[in-house]
Amino acid sequence: MENINNVTEFILLGLSHNRKIKNFCFLLFLFCYIAIWMGNLLIIISIICSQLRDQPMYFFLNYLALSDLCYTSTVTPKLVSDLLKERNTISYNNCMAQLFTMHFFGGIEIFLLTVMAYDRYVAICMPLHYTIIMNLRKCNALMFVCCVGAFLHSFVQTFLTITLPFCGPNEIDHYFCDVYPLLKLACTDTHIIGTLVIANTGMVVFVTFVVLMLSYVLILYTIRVYPPKSRSKALSTCSSHITVVVLFFVPALLIYIRPAATFPEDKVFALFYTIIAPMFNPLIYTLRNTEMKNALIKVWCQNPLFIRKPLI
């Protein structure tokens, strides 16, 4: 079948058509986006300007904060601006670009959370070999693998979507371009491509989630013989990461692990991993991490640049 594409732009139906709800959502998500930038920049600057940058855990946390900023910026600015408009459109090219960048930075985050779980596993289960295994060269290599894996995932996802013919309806019942709503608009049988999309996205999310859970099962099994104080310290370093994993992965699993279909609830689930998780990540890692809190105090409260000098 010839790939015919008569659609030059898509209409995004957004979260609601009610003007009062849209105004409320505009203020809410504008606040969330500002909070995401402030929180994640706070973590990035605090790690770079402290000795934490030499520790693998914070090396990866630094990149996680950066990927959060990039990931949410592919969706949130347009969502916020569209809430002020009556008719929300996005060109075909911009739609495909948003699809690629969103899955690329989302893929980096998924693989990075898995690498961070591996880092905690090595630190707790093999403490004597930790500095040898998780050296700077290994950390850079793991980060490179995360980027390559995310690029391959995003490329396949976007390629499968670009091959679809769009020749009629152009209303996307979502607030951004994603593959499942686009499959619904294609004027061809999408069963095979839908299966490939599930294999690409759904299995990536599911397999990495299983690996994450297995790593923490092994950690819990290892620390069962630790003294109470050591066990509490080990659990405190992992609890923040587990919270972030659940907040990001559970909504993603609910959307991408099922057959290719769209439901009104998808927009609510998507808010968790596009806005809510990136906003709460800095708070979770800061409040439950003593080293991070000490770094924040040292960088922002004890730094001569930020201490007001008395007037003479």
C-alpha atoms as a PDB file:
ATOM      1  CA  MET A   1       0.000   0.000   0.000  1.00  0.00           C
ATOM      2  CA  GLU A   2       1.325   3.419  -0.939  1.00  0.00           C
ATOM      3  CA  ASN A   3       2.092   5.678   1.985  1.00  0.00           C
ATOM      4  CA  ILE A   4      -0.292   8.615   1.455  1.00  0.00           C
ATOM      5  CA  ASN A   5      -0.070  11.499   3.895  1.00  0.00           C
ATOM      6  CA  ASN A   6      -2.530  14.362   3.431  1.00  0.00           C
ATOM      7  CA  VAL A   7      -2.213  15.655   7.004  1.00  0.00           C
ATOM      8  CA  THR A   8       0.075  18.655   7.530  1.00  0.00           C
ATOM      9  CA  GLU A   9      -0.940  19.396  11.119  1.00  0.00           C
ATOM     10  CA  PHE A  10      -2.657  17.750  14.068  1.00  0.00           C
ATOM     11  CA  ILE A  11      -5.182  19.209  16.516  1.00  0.00           C
ATOM     12  CA  LEU A  12      -4.370  18.476  20.165  1.00  0.00           C
ATOM     13  CA  LEU A  13      -7.584  18.154  22.187  1.00  0.00           C
ATOM     14  CA  GLY A  14      -5.653  18.709  25.412  1.00  0.00           C
ATOM     15  CA  LEU A  15      -6.787  18.042  28.962  1.00  0.00           C
ATOM     16  CA  SER A  16     -10.144  19.845  28.932  1.00  0.00           C
ATOM     17  CA  HIS A  17     -12.373  22.211  26.944  1.00  0.00           C
ATOM     18  CA  ASN A  18     -13.677  23.976  30.047  1.00  0.00           C
ATOM     19  CA  ARG A  19     -12.163  27.490  30.257  1.00  0.00           C
ATOM     20  CA  LYS A  20     -12.095  27.553  34.087  1.00  0.00           C
ATOM     21  CA  ILE A  21     -10.347  24.186  34.242  1.00  0.00           C
ATOM     22  CA  LYS A  22      -7.878  25.289  31.571  1.00  0.00           C
ATOM     23  CA  ASN A  23      -7.058  28.489  33.500  1.00  0.00           C
ATOM     24  CA  PHE A  24      -6.520  26.492  36.689  1.00  0.00           C
ATOM     25  CA  CYS A  25      -4.329  23.960  34.853  1.00  0.00           C
ATOM     26  CA  PHE A  26      -2.330  26.791  33.295  1.00  0.00           C
ATOM     27  CA  LEU A  27      -1.399  28.214  36.722  1.00  0.00           C
ATOM     28  CA  LEU A  28      -0.788  24.747  38.177  1.00  0.00           C
ATOM     29  CA  PHE A  29       1.480  23.457  35.419  1.00  0.00           C
ATOM     30  CA  LEU A  30       3.292  26.778  35.065  1.00  0.00           C
ATOM     31  CA  PHE A  31       4.134  26.526  38.770  1.00  0.00           C
ATOM     32  CA  CYS A  32       5.154  22.870  38.295  1.00  0.00           C
ATOM     33  CA  TYR A  33       7.442  23.725  35.375  1.00  0.00           C
ATOM     34  CA  ILE A  34       9.151  26.525  37.323  1.00  0.00           C
ATOM     35  CA  ALA A  35       9.534  24.154  40.297  1.00  0.00           C
ATOM     36  CA  ILE A  36      11.049  21.473  38.015  1.00  0.00           C
ATOM     37  CA  TRP A  37      13.681  23.892  36.722  1.00  0.00           C
ATOM     38  CA  MET A  38      14.497  25.332  40.141  1.00  0.00           C
ATOM     39  CA  GLY A  39      14.689  21.950  41.878  1.00  0.00           C
ATOM     40  CA  ASN A  40      16.732  20.146  39.259  1.00  0.00           C
ATOM     41  CA  LEU A  41      19.106  23.084  38.683  1.00  0.00           C
ATOM     42  CA  LEU A  42      19.594  23.212  42.447  1.00  0.00           C
ATOM     43  CA  ILE A  43      20.682  19.564  42.445  1.00  0.00           C
ATOM     44  CA  ILE A  44      22.936  19.941  39.370  1.00  0.00           C
ATOM     45  CA  ILE A  45      24.745  23.020  40.729  1.00  0.00           C
ATOM     46  CA  SER A  46      25.035  21.544  44.230  1.00  0.00           C
ATOM     47  CA  ILE A  47      26.626  18.332  42.921  1.00  0.00           C
ATOM     48  CA  ILE A  48      28.993  20.084  40.509  1.00  0.00           C
ATOM     49  CA  CYS A  49      30.141  22.571  43.173  1.00  0.00           C
ATOM     50  CA  SER A  50      30.719  19.956  45.887  1.00  0.00           C
ATOM     51  CA  GLN A  51      32.786  16.806  46.382  1.00  0.00           C
ATOM     52  CA  LEU A  52      29.722  14.690  45.601  1.00  0.00           C
ATOM     53  CA  ARG A  53      30.553  14.941  41.900  1.00  0.00           C
ATOM     54  CA  ASP A  54      33.304  12.331  42.424  1.00  0.00           C
ATOM     55  CA  GLN A  55      30.859   9.725  43.759  1.00  0.00           C
ATOM     56  CA  PRO A  56      29.152   7.438  41.178  1.00  0.00           C
ATOM     57  CA  MET A  57      25.724   7.751  42.812  1.00  0.00           C
ATOM     58  CA  TYR A  58      25.740  11.539  42.441  1.00  0.00           C
ATOM     59  CA  PHE A  59      27.394  11.357  39.028  1.00  0.00           C
ATOM     60  CA  PHE A  60      24.268   9.551  37.822  1.00  0.00           C
ATOM     61  CA  LEU A  61      21.907  11.721  39.902  1.00  0.00           C
ATOM     62  CA  ASN A  62      23.375  14.774  38.172  1.00  0.00           C
ATOM     63  CA  TYR A  63      22.524  13.315  34.756  1.00  0.00           C
ATOM     64  CA  LEU A  64      19.099  12.219  36.004  1.00  0.00           C
ATOM     65  CA  ALA A  65      18.300  15.818  36.955  1.00  0.00           C
ATOM     66  CA  LEU A  66      19.512  16.988  33.530  1.00  0.00           C
ATOM     67  CA  SER A  67      17.417  14.366  31.724  1.00  0.00           C
ATOM     68  CA  ASP A  68      14.392  15.398  33.821  1.00  0.00           C
ATOM     69  CA  LEU A  69      14.801  18.980  32.603  1.00  0.00           C
ATOM     70  CA  CYS A  70      15.129  17.925  28.963  1.00  0.00           C
ATOM     71  CA  TYR A  71      12.332  15.368  29.168  1.00  0.00           C
ATOM     72  CA  THR A  72       9.696  17.632  30.690  1.00  0.00           C
ATOM     73  CA  SER A  73      10.735  20.485  28.364  1.00  0.00           C
ATOM     74  CA  THR A  74       9.659  18.452  25.327  1.00  0.00           C
ATOM     75  CA  VAL A  75       6.052  18.497  26.568  1.00  0.00           C
ATOM     76  CA  THR A  76       5.311  21.008  29.347  1.00  0.00           C
ATOM     77  CA  PRO A  77       6.021  24.383  27.614  1.00  0.00           C
ATOM     78  CA  LYS A  78       3.600  23.581  24.780  1.00  0.00           C
ATOM     79  CA  LEU A  79       1.032  22.202  27.224  1.00  0.00           C
ATOM     80  CA  VAL A  80       1.168  25.430  29.257  1.00  0.00           C
ATOM     81  CA  SER A  81       0.925  27.703  26.210  1.00  0.00           C
ATOM     82  CA  ASP A  82      -1.888  25.631  24.661  1.00  0.00           C
ATOM     83  CA  LEU A  83      -3.989  26.047  27.819  1.00  0.00           C
ATOM     84  CA  LEU A  84      -4.338  29.749  26.904  1.00  0.00           C
ATOM     85  CA  LYS A  85      -5.517  29.006  23.350  1.00  0.00           C
ATOM     86  CA  GLU A  86      -8.890  27.968  22.007  1.00  0.00           C
ATOM     87  CA  ARG A  87      -7.480  25.819  19.220  1.00  0.00           C
ATOM     88  CA  ASN A  88      -4.279  23.832  19.784  1.00  0.00           C
ATOM     89  CA  THR A  89      -2.396  22.626  16.728  1.00  0.00           C
ATOM     90  CA  ILE A  90       1.006  21.116  16.013  1.00  0.00           C
ATOM     91  CA  SER A  91       2.560  20.609  12.591  1.00  0.00           C
ATOM     92  CA  TYR A  92       3.299  17.101  11.347  1.00  0.00           C
ATOM     93  CA  ASN A  93       7.072  17.682  11.476  1.00  0.00           C
ATOM     94  CA  ASN A  94       6.939  19.160  14.974  1.00  0.00           C
ATOM     95  CA  CYS A  95       4.753  16.283  16.093  1.00  0.00           C
ATOM     96  CA  MET A  96       7.317  13.727  14.900  1.00  0.00           C
ATOM     97  CA  ALA A  97      10.123  15.781  16.491  1.00  0.00           C
ATOM     98  CA  GLN A  98       8.259  15.859  19.806  1.00  0.00           C
ATOM     99  CA  LEU A  99       7.666  12.111  19.609  1.00  0.00           C
ATOM    100  CA  PHE A 100      11.372  11.439  19.008  1.00  0.00           C
ATOM    101  CA  THR A 101      12.740  13.788  21.688  1.00  0.00           C
ATOM    102  CA  MET A 102      10.213  12.691  24.291  1.00  0.00           C
ATOM    103  CA  HIS A 103      11.033   9.001  23.864  1.00  0.00           C
ATOM    104  CA  PHE A 104      14.761   9.763  23.640  1.00  0.00           C
ATOM    105  CA  PHE A 105      14.962  11.638  26.957  1.00  0.00           C
ATOM    106  CA  GLY A 106      12.393   9.313  28.509  1.00  0.00           C
ATOM    107  CA  GLY A 107      14.522   6.353  27.405  1.00  0.00           C
ATOM    108  CA  ILE A 108      17.622   7.928  28.964  1.00  0.00           C
ATOM    109  CA  GLU A 109      15.720   8.305  32.235  1.00  0.00           C
ATOM    110  CA  ILE A 110      14.534   4.683  32.197  1.00  0.00           C
ATOM    111  CA  PHE A 111      17.997   3.266  31.510  1.00  0.00           C
ATOM    112  CA  LEU A 112      19.601   5.707  33.956  1.00  0.00           C
ATOM    113  CA  LEU A 113      17.296   4.624  36.787  1.00  0.00           C
ATOM    114  CA  THR A 114      18.318   1.030  36.025  1.00  0.00           C
ATOM    115  CA  VAL A 115      22.009   1.946  36.140  1.00  0.00           C
ATOM    116  CA  MET A 116      21.456   3.744  39.447  1.00  0.00           C
ATOM    117  CA  ALA A 117      19.888   0.575  40.858  1.00  0.00           C
ATOM    118  CA  TYR A 118      22.957  -1.372  39.706  1.00  0.00           C
ATOM    119  CA  ASP A 119      25.166   1.219  41.415  1.00  0.00           C
ATOM    120  CA  ARG A 120      23.276   0.739  44.714  1.00  0.00           C
ATOM    121  CA  TYR A 121      23.508  -3.052  44.302  1.00  0.00           C
ATOM    122  CA  VAL A 122      27.294  -2.907  43.906  1.00  0.00           C
ATOM    123  CA  ALA A 123      27.680  -0.408  46.767  1.00  0.00           C
ATOM    124  CA  ILE A 124      25.684  -2.516  49.230  1.00  0.00           C
ATOM    125  CA  CYS A 125      26.364  -6.087  48.089  1.00  0.00           C
ATOM    126  CA  MET A 126      30.024  -5.666  47.063  1.00  0.00           C
ATOM    127  CA  PRO A 127      31.305  -2.717  49.139  1.00  0.00           C
ATOM    128  CA  LEU A 128      34.974  -3.764  49.082  1.00  0.00           C
ATOM    129  CA  HIS A 129      35.033  -3.775  45.268  1.00  0.00           C
ATOM    130  CA  TYR A 130      32.750  -0.763  44.767  1.00  0.00           C
ATOM    131  CA  THR A 131      35.427   1.821  43.923  1.00  0.00           C
ATOM    132  CA  ILE A 132      37.075  -0.581  41.476  1.00  0.00           C
ATOM    133  CA  ILE A 133      33.865  -1.620  39.709  1.00  0.00           C
ATOM    134  CA  MET A 134      32.219   1.822  39.615  1.00  0.00           C
ATOM    135  CA  ASN A 135      35.222   3.879  38.515  1.00  0.00           C
ATOM    136  CA  LEU A 136      34.857   7.049  36.440  1.00  0.00           C
ATOM    137  CA  ARG A 137      35.552   5.239  33.172  1.00  0.00           C
ATOM    138  CA  LYS A 138      32.824   2.678  33.939  1.00  0.00           C
ATOM    139  CA  CYS A 139      30.365   5.442  34.872  1.00  0.00           C
ATOM    140  CA  ASN A 140      30.992   7.308  31.606  1.00  0.00           C
ATOM    141  CA  ALA A 141      30.620   4.069  29.652  1.00  0.00           C
ATOM    142  CA  LEU A 142      27.289   3.277  31.359  1.00  0.00           C
ATOM    143  CA  MET A 143      26.050   6.796  30.640  1.00  0.00           C
ATOM    144  CA  PHE A 144      27.022   6.386  26.969  1.00  0.00           C
ATOM    145  CA  VAL A 145      25.135   3.073  26.818  1.00  0.00           C
ATOM    146  CA  CYS A 146      22.047   4.800  28.274  1.00  0.00           C
ATOM    147  CA  CYS A 147      22.162   7.436  25.529  1.00  0.00           C
ATOM    148  CA  VAL A 148      22.710   4.901  22.730  1.00  0.00           C
ATOM    149  CA  GLY A 149      19.935   2.644  24.020  1.00  0.00           C
ATOM    150  CA  ALA A 150      17.552   5.600  24.276  1.00  0.00           C
ATOM    151  CA  PHE A 151      18.438   6.771  20.763  1.00  0.00           C
ATOM    152  CA  LEU A 152      17.801   3.323  19.258  1.00  0.00           C
ATOM    153  CA  HIS A 153      14.497   3.008  21.114  1.00  0.00           C
ATOM    154  CA  SER A 154      13.353   6.478  20.031  1.00  0.00           C
ATOM    155  CA  PHE A 155      14.514   6.004  16.443  1.00  0.00           C
ATOM    156  CA  VAL A 156      12.529   2.767  16.072  1.00  0.00           C
ATOM    157  CA  GLN A 157       9.455   4.341  17.682  1.00  0.00           C
ATOM    158  CA  THR A 158       9.579   7.391  15.400  1.00  0.00           C
ATOM    159  CA  PHE A 159      10.372   5.350  12.270  1.00  0.00           C
ATOM    160  CA  LEU A 160       7.352   3.101  12.857  1.00  0.00           C
ATOM    161  CA  THR A 161       5.136   6.187  13.207  1.00  0.00           C
ATOM    162  CA  ILE A 162       6.524   8.005  10.157  1.00  0.00           C
ATOM    163  CA  THR A 163       5.702   5.010   7.942  1.00  0.00           C
ATOM    164  CA  LEU A 164       2.006   5.339   8.798  1.00  0.00           C
ATOM    165  CA  PRO A 165      -0.307   7.065   6.274  1.00  0.00           C
ATOM    166  CA  PHE A 166      -2.459   9.894   7.662  1.00  0.00           C
ATOM    167  CA  CYS A 167      -5.151  10.863   5.194  1.00  0.00           C
ATOM    168  CA  GLY A 168      -8.199  11.944   7.175  1.00  0.00           C
ATOM    169  CA  PRO A 169      -8.868  12.612  10.889  1.00  0.00           C
ATOM    170  CA  ASN A 170      -6.216  14.735  12.576  1.00  0.00           C
ATOM    171  CA  GLU A 171      -7.530  15.202  16.137  1.00  0.00           C
ATOM    172  CA  ILE A 172      -5.232  13.759  18.804  1.00  0.00           C
ATOM    173  CA  ASP A 173      -7.030  13.117  22.079  1.00  0.00           C
ATOM    174  CA  HIS A 174      -3.983  14.021  24.146  1.00  0.00           C
ATOM    175  CA  TYR A 175      -1.874  17.036  25.131  1.00  0.00           C
ATOM    176  CA  PHE A 176       1.225  15.853  23.223  1.00  0.00           C
ATOM    177  CA  CYS A 177       2.127  13.634  20.297  1.00  0.00           C
ATOM    178  CA  ASP A 178       2.497  10.023  21.345  1.00  0.00           C
ATOM    179  CA  VAL A 179       2.494   6.854  19.348  1.00  0.00           C
ATOM    180  CA  TYR A 180      -0.784   5.259  20.544  1.00  0.00           C
ATOM    181  CA  PRO A 181      -3.005   8.278  19.716  1.00  0.00           C
ATOM    182  CA  LEU A 182      -1.260   8.537  16.326  1.00  0.00           C
ATOM    183  CA  LEU A 183      -1.886   4.851  15.589  1.00  0.00           C
ATOM    184  CA  LYS A 184      -5.582   5.555  16.095  1.00  0.00           C
ATOM    185  CA  LEU A 185      -5.517   8.226  13.346  1.00  0.00           C
ATOM    186  CA  ALA A 186      -3.671   6.179  10.728  1.00  0.00           C
ATOM    187  CA  CYS A 187      -5.782   5.166   7.722  1.00  0.00           C
ATOM    188  CA  THR A 188      -4.429   1.629   7.519  1.00  0.00           C
ATOM    189  CA  ASP A 189      -4.337  -1.567   9.547  1.00  0.00           C
ATOM    190  CA  THR A 190      -2.000  -0.853  12.476  1.00  0.00           C
ATOM    191  CA  HIS A 191      -2.065  -4.285  14.135  1.00  0.00           C
ATOM    192  CA  ILE A 192       1.486  -5.241  13.133  1.00  0.00           C
ATOM    193  CA  ILE A 193       2.961  -1.813  13.864  1.00  0.00           C
ATOM    194  CA  GLY A 194       1.041  -1.695  17.152  1.00  0.00           C
ATOM    195  CA  THR A 195       2.600  -5.028  18.136  1.00  0.00           C
ATOM    196  CA  LEU A 196       6.067  -3.709  17.249  1.00  0.00           C
ATOM    197  CA  VAL A 197       5.427  -0.572  19.315  1.00  0.00           C
ATOM    198  CA  ILE A 198       4.481  -2.706  22.325  1.00  0.00           C
ATOM    199  CA  ALA A 199       7.599  -4.817  21.795  1.00  0.00           C
ATOM    200  CA  ASN A 200       9.730  -1.670  21.602  1.00  0.00           C
ATOM    201  CA  THR A 201       8.289   0.550  24.327  1.00  0.00           C
ATOM    202  CA  GLY A 202       6.264  -1.803  26.508  1.00  0.00           C
ATOM    203  CA  MET A 203       8.960  -4.438  26.808  1.00  0.00           C
ATOM    204  CA  VAL A 204      11.698  -1.839  27.428  1.00  0.00           C
ATOM    205  CA  VAL A 205       9.686  -0.404  30.331  1.00  0.00           C
ATOM    206  CA  PHE A 206       8.671  -3.840  31.642  1.00  0.00           C
ATOM    207  CA  VAL A 207      12.104  -5.492  31.420  1.00  0.00           C
ATOM    208  CA  THR A 208      13.912  -2.554  33.038  1.00  0.00           C
ATOM    209  CA  PHE A 209      11.285  -2.441  35.798  1.00  0.00           C
ATOM    210  CA  VAL A 210      11.776  -6.163  36.486  1.00  0.00           C
ATOM    211  CA  VAL A 211      15.573  -5.691  36.569  1.00  0.00           C
ATOM    212  CA  LEU A 212      15.118  -2.798  39.005  1.00  0.00           C
ATOM    213  CA  MET A 213      12.918  -4.859  41.305  1.00  0.00           C
ATOM    214  CA  LEU A 214      15.290  -7.835  41.191  1.00  0.00           C
ATOM    215  CA  SER A 215      18.226  -5.616  42.135  1.00  0.00           C
ATOM    216  CA  TYR A 216      16.378  -4.388  45.207  1.00  0.00           C
ATOM    217  CA  VAL A 217      15.302  -7.900  46.158  1.00  0.00           C
ATOM    218  CA  LEU A 218      18.994  -8.864  46.128  1.00  0.00           C
ATOM    219  CA  ILE A 219      19.838  -5.771  48.175  1.00  0.00           C
ATOM    220  CA  LEU A 220      17.175  -6.601  50.780  1.00  0.00           C
ATOM    221  CA  TYR A 221      18.416 -10.207  50.906  1.00  0.00           C
ATOM    222  CA  THR A 222      21.992  -9.010  51.443  1.00  0.00           C
ATOM    223  CA  ILE A 223      21.283  -6.491  54.213  1.00  0.00           C
ATOM    224  CA  ARG A 224      19.137  -8.875  56.269  1.00  0.00           C
ATOM    225  CA  VAL A 225      22.283  -9.903  58.209  1.00  0.00           C
ATOM    226  CA  TYR A 226      23.547  -6.324  58.676  1.00  0.00           C
ATOM    227  CA  PRO A 227      23.452  -4.652  62.113  1.00  0.00           C
ATOM    228  CA  PRO A 228      20.343  -2.433  62.557  1.00  0.00           C
ATOM    229  CA  LYS A 229      22.308   0.809  62.106  1.00  0.00           C
ATOM    230  CA  SER A 230      24.008  -0.348  58.896  1.00  0.00           C
ATOM    231  CA  ARG A 231      20.723  -1.788  57.613  1.00  0.00           C
ATOM    232  CA  SER A 232      18.949   1.518  58.236  1.00  0.00           C
ATOM    233  CA  LYS A 233      21.665   3.464  56.404  1.00  0.00           C
ATOM    234  CA  ALA A 234      21.542   1.093  53.409  1.00  0.00           C
ATOM    235  CA  LEU A 235      17.749   1.331  53.225  1.00  0.00           C
ATOM    236  CA  SER A 236      17.802   5.135  53.448  1.00  0.00           C
ATOM    237  CA  THR A 237      20.076   5.387  50.394  1.00  0.00           C
ATOM    238  CA  CYS A 238      17.737   3.132  48.402  1.00  0.00           C
ATOM    239  CA  SER A 239      14.329   4.382  49.563  1.00  0.00           C
ATOM    240  CA  SER A 240      14.496   7.641  47.601  1.00  0.00           C
ATOM    241  CA  HIS A 241      15.456   5.785  44.427  1.00  0.00           C
ATOM    242  CA  ILE A 242      12.643   3.249  44.874  1.00  0.00           C
ATOM    243  CA  THR A 243      10.139   6.099  45.339  1.00  0.00           C
ATOM    244  CA  VAL A 244      11.276   7.753  42.089  1.00  0.00           C
ATOM    245  CA  VAL A 245      11.142   4.408  40.235  1.00  0.00           C
ATOM    246  CA  VAL A 246       7.556   3.722  41.346  1.00  0.00           C
ATOM    247  CA  LEU A 247       6.431   7.285  40.550  1.00  0.00           C
ATOM    248  CA  PHE A 248       7.877   7.074  37.024  1.00  0.00           C
ATOM    249  CA  PHE A 249       7.452   3.419  36.041  1.00  0.00           C
ATOM    250  CA  VAL A 250       3.971   2.491  37.303  1.00  0.00           C
ATOM    251  CA  PRO A 251       2.080   5.060  35.140  1.00  0.00           C
ATOM    252  CA  ALA A 252       4.314   4.223  32.148  1.00  0.00           C
ATOM    253  CA  LEU A 253       3.577   0.509  32.578  1.00  0.00           C
ATOM    254  CA  LEU A 254      -0.165   1.191  32.716  1.00  0.00           C
ATOM    255  CA  ILE A 255       0.031   2.904  29.313  1.00  0.00           C
ATOM    256  CA  TYR A 256       2.680   1.036  27.313  1.00  0.00           C
ATOM    257  CA  ILE A 257       2.444  -2.582  28.467  1.00  0.00           C
ATOM    258  CA  ARG A 258      -1.102  -3.099  27.177  1.00  0.00           C
ATOM    259  CA  PRO A 259      -2.361  -3.532  23.577  1.00  0.00           C
ATOM    260  CA  ALA A 260      -2.154  -0.420  21.392  1.00  0.00           C
ATOM    261  CA  ALA A 261      -5.253   1.549  22.376  1.00  0.00           C
ATOM    262  CA  THR A 262      -6.095   4.939  23.893  1.00  0.00           C
ATOM    263  CA  PHE A 263      -8.237   5.753  26.918  1.00  0.00           C
ATOM    264  CA  PRO A 264      -9.188   9.092  28.535  1.00  0.00           C
ATOM    265  CA  GLU A 265      -7.251   8.073  31.667  1.00  0.00           C
ATOM    266  CA  ASP A 266      -4.001   7.981  29.659  1.00  0.00           C
ATOM    267  CA  LYS A 267      -3.685  11.765  29.898  1.00  0.00           C
ATOM    268  CA  VAL A 268      -3.797  11.598  33.694  1.00  0.00           C
ATOM    269  CA  PHE A 269      -1.234   8.765  33.821  1.00  0.00           C
ATOM    270  CA  ALA A 270       1.026  10.685  31.423  1.00  0.00           C
ATOM    271  CA  LEU A 271       1.039  13.701  33.762  1.00  0.00           C
ATOM    272  CA  PHE A 272       2.839  11.545  36.350  1.00  0.00           C
ATOM    273  CA  TYR A 273       5.904  10.737  34.236  1.00  0.00           C
ATOM    274  CA  THR A 274       6.043  13.972  32.223  1.00  0.00           C
ATOM    275  CA  ILE A 275       5.476  16.554  34.999  1.00  0.00           C
ATOM    276  CA  ILE A 276       4.868  15.156  38.480  1.00  0.00           C
ATOM    277  CA  ALA A 277       7.864  12.774  38.670  1.00  0.00           C
ATOM    278  CA  PRO A 278      10.407  15.356  37.389  1.00  0.00           C
ATOM    279  CA  MET A 279       9.004  17.877  39.892  1.00  0.00           C
ATOM    280  CA  PHE A 280       9.197  15.572  42.923  1.00  0.00           C
ATOM    281  CA  ASN A 281      12.538  13.909  42.082  1.00  0.00           C
ATOM    282  CA  PRO A 282      14.677  16.742  43.542  1.00  0.00           C
ATOM    283  CA  LEU A 283      12.500  16.867  46.664  1.00  0.00           C
ATOM    284  CA  ILE A 284      12.672  13.094  47.184  1.00  0.00           C
ATOM    285  CA  TYR A 285      16.436  12.887  46.715  1.00  0.00           C
ATOM    286  CA  THR A 286      17.051  15.917  48.942  1.00  0.00           C
ATOM    287  CA  LEU A 287      14.777  15.231  51.916  1.00  0.00           C
ATOM    288  CA  ARG A 288      15.792  11.572  52.292  1.00  0.00           C
ATOM    289  CA  ASN A 289      19.505  12.004  51.672  1.00  0.00           C
ATOM    290  CA  THR A 290      21.805  13.418  54.346  1.00  0.00           C
ATOM    291  CA  GLU A 291      24.786  13.860  52.000  1.00  0.00           C
ATOM    292  CA  MET A 292      22.653  15.812  49.537  1.00  0.00           C
ATOM    293  CA  LYS A 293      21.284  18.064  52.290  1.00  0.00           C
ATOM    294  CA  ASN A 294      24.810  18.730  53.573  1.00  0.00           C
ATOM    295  CA  ALA A 295      25.956  19.596  50.045  1.00  0.00           C
ATOM    296  CA  LEU A 296      23.060  22.035  49.626  1.00  0.00           C
ATOM    297  CA  ILE A 297      23.940  23.755  52.914  1.00  0.00           C
ATOM    298  CA  LYS A 298      27.629  23.924  52.010  1.00  0.00           C
ATOM    299  CA  VAL A 299      27.103  25.260  48.496  1.00  0.00           C
ATOM    300  CA  TRP A 300      24.216  27.660  49.113  1.00  0.00           C
ATOM    301  CA  CYS A 301      24.563  28.703  52.775  1.00  0.00           C
ATOM    302  CA  GLN A 302      28.307  28.587  53.440  1.00  0.00           C
ATOM    303  CA  ASN A 303      29.596  29.692  50.055  1.00  0.00           C
ATOM    304  CA  PRO A 304      31.216  33.184  50.233  1.00  0.00           C
ATOM    305  CA  LEU A 305      29.445  34.135  46.999  1.00  0.00           C
ATOM    306  CA  PHE A 306      26.038  33.788  48.685  1.00  0.00           C
ATOM    307  CA  ILE A 307      26.921  35.226  52.117  1.00  0.00           C
ATOM    308  CA  ARG A 308      26.081  38.904  52.464  1.00  0.00           C
ATOM    309  CA  LYS A 309      29.037  40.888  53.654  1.00  0.00           C
ATOM    310  CA  PRO A 310      28.368  43.477  56.398  1.00  0.00           C
ATOM    311  CA  LEU A 311      28.372  47.081  55.283  1.00  0.00           C
ATOM    312  CA  ILE A 312      31.265  49.170  56.635  1.00  0.00           C
END
